[in-house]
C-alpha atoms as a PDB file:
ATOM      1  CA  MET A   1      14.603 -20.113   4.764  1.00  0.00           C
ATOM      2  CA  PRO A   2      11.996 -19.758   2.014  1.00  0.00           C
ATOM      3  CA  GLU A   3      12.921 -20.793  -1.490  1.00  0.00           C
ATOM      4  CA  SER A   4      13.982 -17.869  -3.641  1.00  0.00           C
ATOM      5  CA  SER A   5      14.148 -17.227  -7.335  1.00  0.00           C
ATOM      6  CA  VAL A   6      15.798 -14.643  -9.549  1.00  0.00           C
ATOM      7  CA  LEU A   7      13.895 -11.661 -10.916  1.00  0.00           C
ATOM      8  CA  THR A   8      15.458  -9.321 -13.448  1.00  0.00           C
ATOM      9  CA  LEU A   9      14.125  -5.805 -13.834  1.00  0.00           C
ATOM     10  CA  ARG A  10      15.147  -2.512 -15.350  1.00  0.00           C
ATOM     11  CA  LEU A  11      15.540   0.635 -13.300  1.00  0.00           C
ATOM     12  CA  ASP A  12      16.316   4.096 -14.526  1.00  0.00           C
ATOM     13  CA  SER A  13      19.776   5.232 -13.460  1.00  0.00           C
ATOM     14  CA  LYS A  14      18.517   7.739 -10.876  1.00  0.00           C
ATOM     15  CA  LEU A  15      16.419   5.108  -9.092  1.00  0.00           C
ATOM     16  CA  LYS A  16      19.309   2.633  -9.174  1.00  0.00           C
ATOM     17  CA  LYS A  17      21.621   5.217  -7.599  1.00  0.00           C
ATOM     18  CA  GLN A  18      19.032   5.895  -4.892  1.00  0.00           C
ATOM     19  CA  LEU A  19      18.706   2.178  -4.229  1.00  0.00           C
ATOM     20  CA  ASP A  20      22.483   1.864  -4.002  1.00  0.00           C
ATOM     21  CA  GLN A  21      22.656   4.761  -1.531  1.00  0.00           C
ATOM     22  CA  ILE A  22      20.000   3.193   0.670  1.00  0.00           C
ATOM     23  CA  SER A  23      21.626  -0.220   0.574  1.00  0.00           C
ATOM     24  CA  ARG A  24      25.022   1.230   1.547  1.00  0.00           C
ATOM     25  CA  ALA A  25      23.438   3.239   4.384  1.00  0.00           C
ATOM     26  CA  MET A  26      21.723   0.089   5.656  1.00  0.00           C
ATOM     27  CA  ASN A  27      24.809  -2.047   5.108  1.00  0.00           C
ATOM     28  CA  ARG A  28      22.643  -4.423   3.057  1.00  0.00           C
ATOM     29  CA  THR A  29      22.805  -5.648  -0.511  1.00  0.00           C
ATOM     30  CA  ARG A  30      20.900  -3.915  -3.265  1.00  0.00           C
ATOM     31  CA  SER A  31      18.985  -7.155  -3.751  1.00  0.00           C
ATOM     32  CA  PHE A  32      17.932  -7.279  -0.091  1.00  0.00           C
ATOM     33  CA  VAL A  33      16.681  -3.673  -0.126  1.00  0.00           C
ATOM     34  CA  ALA A  34      14.815  -4.166  -3.410  1.00  0.00           C
ATOM     35  CA  ALA A  35      13.210  -7.403  -2.176  1.00  0.00           C
ATOM     36  CA  GLU A  36      12.135  -5.680   1.051  1.00  0.00           C
ATOM     37  CA  ALA A  37      10.597  -2.790  -0.907  1.00  0.00           C
ATOM     38  CA  ILE A  38       8.716  -5.242  -3.125  1.00  0.00           C
ATOM     39  CA  ARG A  39       7.493  -7.192  -0.047  1.00  0.00           C
ATOM     40  CA  GLU A  40       6.099  -4.002   1.484  1.00  0.00           C
ATOM     41  CA  TYR A  41       4.489  -2.942  -1.807  1.00  0.00           C
ATOM     42  CA  VAL A  42       2.861  -6.348  -2.306  1.00  0.00           C
ATOM     43  CA  ALA A  43       1.571  -6.478   1.280  1.00  0.00           C
ATOM     44  CA  ARG A  44       0.049  -2.993   1.018  1.00  0.00           C
ATOM     45  CA  ASN A  45      -1.583  -3.707  -2.317  1.00  0.00           C
ATOM     46  CA  GLU A  46      -2.879  -7.110  -1.245  1.00  0.00           C
ATOM     47  CA  TRP A  47      -4.543  -5.449   1.741  1.00  0.00           C
ATOM     48  CA  GLN A  48      -6.032  -2.707  -0.425  1.00  0.00           C
ATOM     49  CA  THR A  49      -7.267  -5.147  -3.052  1.00  0.00           C
ATOM     50  CA  GLN A  50      -8.915  -7.307  -0.363  1.00  0.00           C
ATOM     51  CA  GLU A  51     -10.624  -4.275   1.189  1.00  0.00           C
ATOM     52  CA  ILE A  52     -11.995  -3.289  -2.214  1.00  0.00           C
ATOM     53  CA  LYS A  53     -13.339  -6.822  -2.738  1.00  0.00           C
ATOM     54  CA  ASN A  54     -14.921  -6.713   0.731  1.00  0.00           C
ATOM     55  CA  ALA A  55     -16.561  -3.364  -0.035  1.00  0.00           C
ATOM     56  CA  ILE A  56     -17.944  -4.653  -3.339  1.00  0.00           C
ATOM     57  CA  ALA A  57     -19.365  -7.690  -1.554  1.00  0.00           C
ATOM     58  CA  GLU A  58     -21.028  -5.408   1.028  1.00  0.00           C
ATOM     59  CA  ALA A  59     -22.495  -3.290  -1.763  1.00  0.00           C
ATOM     60  CA  ASP A  60     -23.742  -6.392  -3.571  1.00  0.00           C
ATOM     61  CA  ARG A  61     -25.528  -7.367  -0.330  1.00  0.00           C
ATOM     62  CA  GLY A  62     -27.077  -3.888  -0.166  1.00  0.00           C
ATOM     63  CA  GLU A  63     -25.120  -2.842   2.914  1.00  0.00           C
ATOM     64  CA  PHE A  64     -24.913   0.903   2.457  1.00  0.00           C
ATOM     65  CA  ALA A  65     -24.653   3.753   4.945  1.00  0.00           C
ATOM     66  CA  ARG A  66     -27.923   5.581   5.493  1.00  0.00           C
ATOM     67  CA  ASP A  67     -28.110   9.210   4.332  1.00  0.00           C
ATOM     68  CA  GLU A  68     -28.454  10.314   7.960  1.00  0.00           C
ATOM     69  CA  ASP A  69     -25.260   8.490   8.916  1.00  0.00           C
ATOM     70  CA  VAL A  70     -23.308  10.068   6.081  1.00  0.00           C
ATOM     71  CA  LEU A  71     -24.583  13.548   6.943  1.00  0.00           C
ATOM     72  CA  ARG A  72     -23.675  13.053  10.607  1.00  0.00           C
ATOM     73  CA  VAL A  73     -20.092  12.171   9.700  1.00  0.00           C
ATOM     74  CA  VAL A  74     -19.821  15.026   7.224  1.00  0.00           C
ATOM     75  CA  LYS A  75     -21.070  17.491   9.836  1.00  0.00           C
ATOM     76  CA  LYS A  76     -18.653  16.088  12.403  1.00  0.00           C
ATOM     77  CA  TRP A  77     -15.657  16.674  10.182  1.00  0.00           C
ATOM     78  CA  THR A  78     -16.752  19.960   8.591  1.00  0.00           C
ATOM     79  CA  HIS A  79     -18.158  21.716  11.683  1.00  0.00           C
ATOM     80  CA  ARG A  80     -16.155  24.850  12.458  1.00  0.00           C
ATOM     81  CA  ALA A  81     -15.437  25.792  16.016  1.00  0.00           C
ATOM     82  CA  GLY A  82     -17.419  28.929  16.844  1.00  0.00           C
END
């Protein structure tokens, strides 16, 4: 099992009550549910941050979509069925 450490944080009372309701419904501790929520948040934001860094690197290399490609995609998604 990975090493763990204690983190103290403040929650407004409404959010704490919601967390308690979820933890009871899941038959898990409040700490478990909070840690799982933080894990999911961190994973999502790590992915997003990495994708932004990748896009910046592509732009720095001059890798941009051509105007024709952008227009083709715009037309594809804005074309109305006749």
